[in-house]
């Protein structure tokens, strides 16, 4: 079985797309978590 560079490149495109989507979802979830903590800290500061 012979592996050609073009075949490897074609196979890597879906993997790159999946990795990109995964990173976008992870960053979005992290942003929401950070925003929630920031809002909680503001409420605590105002109550003191």
C-alpha atoms as a PDB file:
ATOM      1  CA  UNK A   1       0.000   0.000   0.000  1.00  0.00           C
ATOM      2  CA  UNK A   2       1.449   3.305  -1.091  1.00  0.00           C
ATOM      3  CA  UNK A   3       0.625   6.547   0.695  1.00  0.00           C
ATOM      4  CA  UNK A   4       0.592   9.666  -1.443  1.00  0.00           C
ATOM      5  CA  UNK A   5       1.061  13.161  -0.043  1.00  0.00           C
ATOM      6  CA  UNK A   6      -2.117  14.386  -1.719  1.00  0.00           C
ATOM      7  CA  UNK A   7      -4.111  11.628  -0.022  1.00  0.00           C
ATOM      8  CA  UNK A   8      -2.705  12.575   3.366  1.00  0.00           C
ATOM      9  CA  UNK A   9      -3.541  16.224   2.721  1.00  0.00           C
ATOM     10  CA  UNK A  10      -7.111  15.359   1.729  1.00  0.00           C
ATOM     11  CA  UNK A  11      -7.563  13.223   4.838  1.00  0.00           C
ATOM     12  CA  UNK A  12      -6.272  15.975   7.110  1.00  0.00           C
ATOM     13  CA  UNK A  13      -8.855  18.559   5.985  1.00  0.00           C
ATOM     14  CA  UNK A  14     -11.812  17.056   7.912  1.00  0.00           C
ATOM     15  CA  UNK A  15      -9.588  16.585  10.963  1.00  0.00           C
ATOM     16  CA  UNK A  16      -8.570  20.242  10.839  1.00  0.00           C
ATOM     17  CA  UNK A  17     -12.208  21.337  10.521  1.00  0.00           C
ATOM     18  CA  UNK A  18     -13.244  19.196  13.483  1.00  0.00           C
ATOM     19  CA  UNK A  19     -10.341  20.540  15.564  1.00  0.00           C
ATOM     20  CA  UNK A  20     -11.290  24.125  14.687  1.00  0.00           C
ATOM     21  CA  UNK A  21     -14.952  23.625  15.618  1.00  0.00           C
ATOM     22  CA  UNK A  22     -13.922  21.912  18.851  1.00  0.00           C
ATOM     23  CA  UNK A  23     -11.645  24.798  19.819  1.00  0.00           C
ATOM     24  CA  UNK A  24     -14.364  27.355  19.069  1.00  0.00           C
ATOM     25  CA  UNK A  25     -16.829  25.473  21.292  1.00  0.00           C
ATOM     26  CA  UNK A  26     -14.260  25.130  24.095  1.00  0.00           C
ATOM     27  CA  UNK A  27     -13.414  28.857  23.965  1.00  0.00           C
ATOM     28  CA  UNK A  28     -17.092  29.802  23.948  1.00  0.00           C
ATOM     29  CA  UNK A  29     -17.740  27.649  27.019  1.00  0.00           C
ATOM     30  CA  UNK A  30     -14.711  29.155  28.777  1.00  0.00           C
ATOM     31  CA  UNK A  31     -15.880  32.687  27.970  1.00  0.00           C
ATOM     32  CA  UNK A  32     -19.298  31.949  29.439  1.00  0.00           C
ATOM     33  CA  UNK A  33     -17.709  30.523  32.598  1.00  0.00           C
ATOM     34  CA  UNK A  34     -15.427  33.559  33.003  1.00  0.00           C
ATOM     35  CA  UNK A  35     -18.307  35.954  32.403  1.00  0.00           C
ATOM     36  CA  UNK A  36     -20.432  34.166  35.003  1.00  0.00           C
ATOM     37  CA  UNK A  37     -17.628  34.423  37.570  1.00  0.00           C
ATOM     38  CA  UNK A  38     -17.120  38.107  36.796  1.00  0.00           C
ATOM     39  CA  UNK A  39     -20.815  38.843  37.277  1.00  0.00           C
ATOM     40  CA  UNK A  40     -20.852  36.878  40.530  1.00  0.00           C
ATOM     41  CA  UNK A  41     -17.834  38.825  41.810  1.00  0.00           C
ATOM     42  CA  UNK A  42     -19.487  42.155  40.944  1.00  0.00           C
ATOM     43  CA  UNK A  43     -22.615  41.183  42.893  1.00  0.00           C
ATOM     44  CA  UNK A  44     -20.516  40.203  45.911  1.00  0.00           C
ATOM     45  CA  UNK A  45     -18.559  43.473  45.762  1.00  0.00           C
ATOM     46  CA  UNK A  46     -21.739  45.572  45.603  1.00  0.00           C
ATOM     47  CA  UNK A  47     -23.297  43.739  48.524  1.00  0.00           C
ATOM     48  CA  UNK A  48     -20.362  44.432  50.857  1.00  0.00           C
END
